[in-house]
Amino acid sequence: MTAKERRKAILETLRQENGPCNATALATSFGVSRQVVVTDIALLRASGIEINATPRGYIMGQVKQGLVKRIACRHRAEDTVQELNIIVDNGCTVLDVVVEHPIYGELIGALQLKNRYEVLQFLNNLSHARPLSLLTEGVHLHTVLCPDDSAYERICEQLSEAGILLED
């Protein structure tokens, strides 16, 4: 299989997947190294194909159905689980986390967390790295996808009650 054929096959695999597909699994299925897959993904993205990298793997750019909002939060690292569970327990998806860095500007980390299991997987990965919010003393934004206004209002109310929502 040529590199061009492999990239086409990777793209087809990502289109057929219902969830994230990690680089290691793709590498195994195509008999190449993980770094070859990472390079292939970079080339596909550079060609204009929307492929998002999440903590659980790559996903094709998805059509977002629902209400997309940003919420400002501030909390200690140990409150991350409470924050994320409030959002997913109300039927919303945590699309990303955003922090403002003094040198690099806006840094965005794709999350795509839809349920408690995915939150737990994300938190397990935090044992190997530091969250972006530590760069800004806990201040960060989340882009959330909610099914409707009432779900968004519920998460804002519950985050406020927990002292996590950054308010005026």
Protein backbone atom coordinates (compact mmCIF):
# COMPACT_ATOMS: atom_id res chain seq x y z
CA MET A 1 0.00 0.00 0.00
CA THR A 2 1.38 3.40 -0.94
CA ALA A 3 1.34 6.34 1.47
CA LYS A 4 -1.40 7.99 -0.60
CA GLU A 5 -3.51 4.81 -0.50
CA ARG A 6 -2.96 4.53 3.26
CA ARG A 7 -4.09 8.12 3.85
CA LYS A 8 -7.21 7.44 1.79
CA ALA A 9 -7.86 4.28 3.85
CA ILE A 10 -7.31 6.16 7.12
CA LEU A 11 -9.78 8.79 5.99
CA GLU A 12 -12.35 6.11 5.13
CA THR A 13 -11.82 4.44 8.52
CA LEU A 14 -12.40 7.74 10.34
CA ARG A 15 -15.56 8.40 8.31
CA GLN A 16 -16.98 4.99 9.28
CA GLU A 17 -16.17 5.22 13.00
CA ASN A 18 -18.88 6.38 15.41
CA GLY A 19 -16.30 7.59 17.91
CA PRO A 20 -12.63 8.45 18.23
CA CYS A 21 -10.02 6.19 16.64
CA ASN A 22 -6.56 6.38 18.19
CA ALA A 23 -3.31 6.51 16.26
CA THR A 24 -2.04 3.26 17.75
CA ALA A 25 -5.08 1.31 16.54
CA LEU A 26 -4.78 2.86 13.09
CA ALA A 27 -1.06 2.05 13.00
CA THR A 28 -1.73 -1.58 13.91
CA SER A 29 -4.44 -1.97 11.28
CA PHE A 30 -2.21 -0.53 8.54
CA GLY A 31 1.04 -2.17 9.67
CA VAL A 32 2.92 1.08 10.22
CA SER A 33 4.21 2.99 13.23
CA ARG A 34 2.11 5.39 15.26
CA GLN A 35 4.31 8.26 14.04
CA VAL A 36 3.51 7.40 10.40
CA VAL A 37 -0.19 7.71 11.22
CA VAL A 38 0.37 11.03 13.03
CA THR A 39 2.19 12.30 9.94
CA ASP A 40 -0.58 11.03 7.65
CA ILE A 41 -3.19 12.81 9.77
CA ALA A 42 -1.14 16.02 9.65
CA LEU A 43 -1.00 15.82 5.85
CA LEU A 44 -4.75 15.14 5.61
CA ARG A 45 -5.45 18.13 7.86
CA ALA A 46 -3.09 20.32 5.84
CA SER A 47 -5.07 19.43 2.71
CA GLY A 48 -8.15 20.96 4.32
CA ILE A 49 -9.87 17.86 5.71
CA GLU A 50 -11.34 18.51 9.15
CA ILE A 51 -9.96 15.89 11.50
CA ASN A 52 -10.05 16.65 15.20
CA ALA A 53 -7.62 15.19 17.71
CA THR A 54 -9.21 14.34 21.06
CA PRO A 55 -7.70 12.67 24.13
CA ARG A 56 -9.26 9.39 22.94
CA GLY A 57 -8.24 9.61 19.29
CA TYR A 58 -9.08 11.21 15.97
CA ILE A 59 -12.58 12.03 14.75
CA MET A 60 -13.85 13.56 11.56
CA GLY A 61 -15.24 17.07 11.86
CA GLN A 62 -18.80 16.51 12.96
CA VAL A 63 -21.93 18.52 12.33
CA LYS A 64 -22.92 19.90 15.69
CA GLN A 65 -26.63 19.69 16.39
CA GLY A 66 -27.87 21.75 19.29
CA LEU A 67 -26.85 24.89 21.07
CA VAL A 68 -23.11 25.69 21.11
CA LYS A 69 -22.08 28.02 23.96
CA ARG A 70 -18.95 28.99 25.84
CA ILE A 71 -18.85 29.08 29.61
CA ALA A 72 -16.16 30.68 31.76
CA CYS A 73 -14.99 28.64 34.73
CA ARG A 74 -12.48 28.85 37.54
CA HIS A 75 -11.68 26.07 39.97
CA ARG A 76 -8.96 24.01 41.59
CA ALA A 77 -7.65 20.94 39.75
CA GLU A 78 -9.46 18.61 42.16
CA ASP A 79 -12.81 20.16 41.15
CA THR A 80 -12.39 19.14 37.48
CA VAL A 81 -14.40 15.95 37.91
CA GLN A 82 -17.33 17.82 39.46
CA GLU A 83 -17.26 20.45 36.71
CA LEU A 84 -17.20 17.97 33.84
CA ASN A 85 -19.80 15.66 35.40
CA ILE A 86 -22.21 18.57 35.89
CA ILE A 87 -21.99 19.29 32.17
CA VAL A 88 -22.35 15.74 30.87
CA ASP A 89 -24.99 14.78 33.45
CA ASN A 90 -27.22 17.47 31.95
CA GLY A 91 -26.97 15.98 28.46
CA CYS A 92 -24.33 18.36 27.16
CA THR A 93 -21.01 17.61 25.49
CA VAL A 94 -17.77 19.30 26.55
CA LEU A 95 -16.29 20.08 23.14
CA ASP A 96 -13.07 21.73 24.32
CA VAL A 97 -11.16 23.69 26.93
CA VAL A 98 -9.68 27.10 26.12
CA VAL A 99 -7.08 29.12 28.03
CA GLU A 100 -5.45 32.46 27.26
CA HIS A 101 -1.67 32.17 27.27
CA PRO A 102 0.44 35.37 27.54
CA ILE A 103 2.81 34.28 24.75
CA TYR A 104 0.85 31.87 22.56
CA GLY A 105 -2.57 33.50 22.83
CA GLU A 106 -5.58 31.21 22.83
CA LEU A 107 -4.74 27.53 23.47
CA ILE A 108 -7.51 25.04 22.73
CA GLY A 109 -7.64 21.43 23.82
CA ALA A 110 -10.25 19.25 22.11
CA LEU A 111 -12.14 17.11 24.64
CA GLN A 112 -15.38 15.76 23.09
CA LEU A 113 -16.64 14.40 26.44
CA LYS A 114 -20.26 13.17 26.34
CA ASN A 115 -20.67 11.01 29.44
CA ARG A 116 -19.15 10.03 32.79
CA TYR A 117 -17.13 7.18 31.29
CA GLU A 118 -15.40 9.59 28.90
CA VAL A 119 -14.85 12.06 31.77
CA LEU A 120 -13.22 9.26 33.79
CA GLN A 121 -10.94 8.34 30.86
CA PHE A 122 -9.93 11.99 30.51
CA LEU A 123 -9.20 12.29 34.23
CA ASN A 124 -7.11 9.10 34.13
CA ASN A 125 -5.02 10.73 31.38
CA LEU A 126 -4.50 13.78 33.61
CA SER A 127 -2.39 11.61 35.89
CA HIS A 128 0.25 11.78 33.11
CA ALA A 129 -0.05 15.49 32.29
CA ARG A 130 -1.15 18.81 33.74
CA PRO A 131 -4.44 20.43 32.70
CA LEU A 132 -4.30 23.61 30.61
CA SER A 133 -6.20 25.51 33.32
CA LEU A 134 -3.13 25.36 35.58
CA LEU A 135 -1.49 27.85 33.19
CA THR A 136 -4.13 30.44 34.14
CA GLU A 137 -4.69 29.83 37.86
CA GLY A 138 -7.76 27.74 37.08
CA VAL A 139 -9.45 30.23 34.72
CA HIS A 140 -10.63 28.65 31.47
CA LEU A 141 -13.46 28.43 28.99
CA HIS A 142 -15.36 25.38 27.83
CA THR A 143 -17.22 25.19 24.57
CA VAL A 144 -20.27 23.05 25.25
CA LEU A 145 -22.88 21.54 22.98
CA CYS A 146 -26.30 21.40 24.65
CA PRO A 147 -29.53 19.92 23.31
CA ASP A 148 -31.46 23.07 24.24
CA ASP A 149 -31.50 26.28 26.32
CA SER A 150 -32.83 24.55 29.42
CA ALA A 151 -29.85 22.15 29.55
CA TYR A 152 -27.47 25.10 29.17
CA GLU A 153 -29.27 27.01 31.94
CA ARG A 154 -29.10 23.95 34.23
CA ILE A 155 -25.34 23.57 33.82
CA CYS A 156 -24.79 27.28 34.45
CA GLU A 157 -26.94 27.15 37.58
CA GLN A 158 -25.23 24.01 38.93
CA LEU A 159 -21.73 25.28 38.11
CA SER A 160 -22.59 28.54 39.87
CA GLU A 161 -23.85 26.67 42.96
CA ALA A 162 -20.60 24.67 42.99
CA GLY A 163 -18.55 27.88 42.85
CA ILE A 164 -17.08 26.90 39.48
CA LEU A 165 -18.84 29.27 37.07
CA LEU A 166 -16.85 32.47 36.60
CA GLU A 167 -19.40 35.25 36.97
CA ASP A 168 -19.37 39.07 36.96
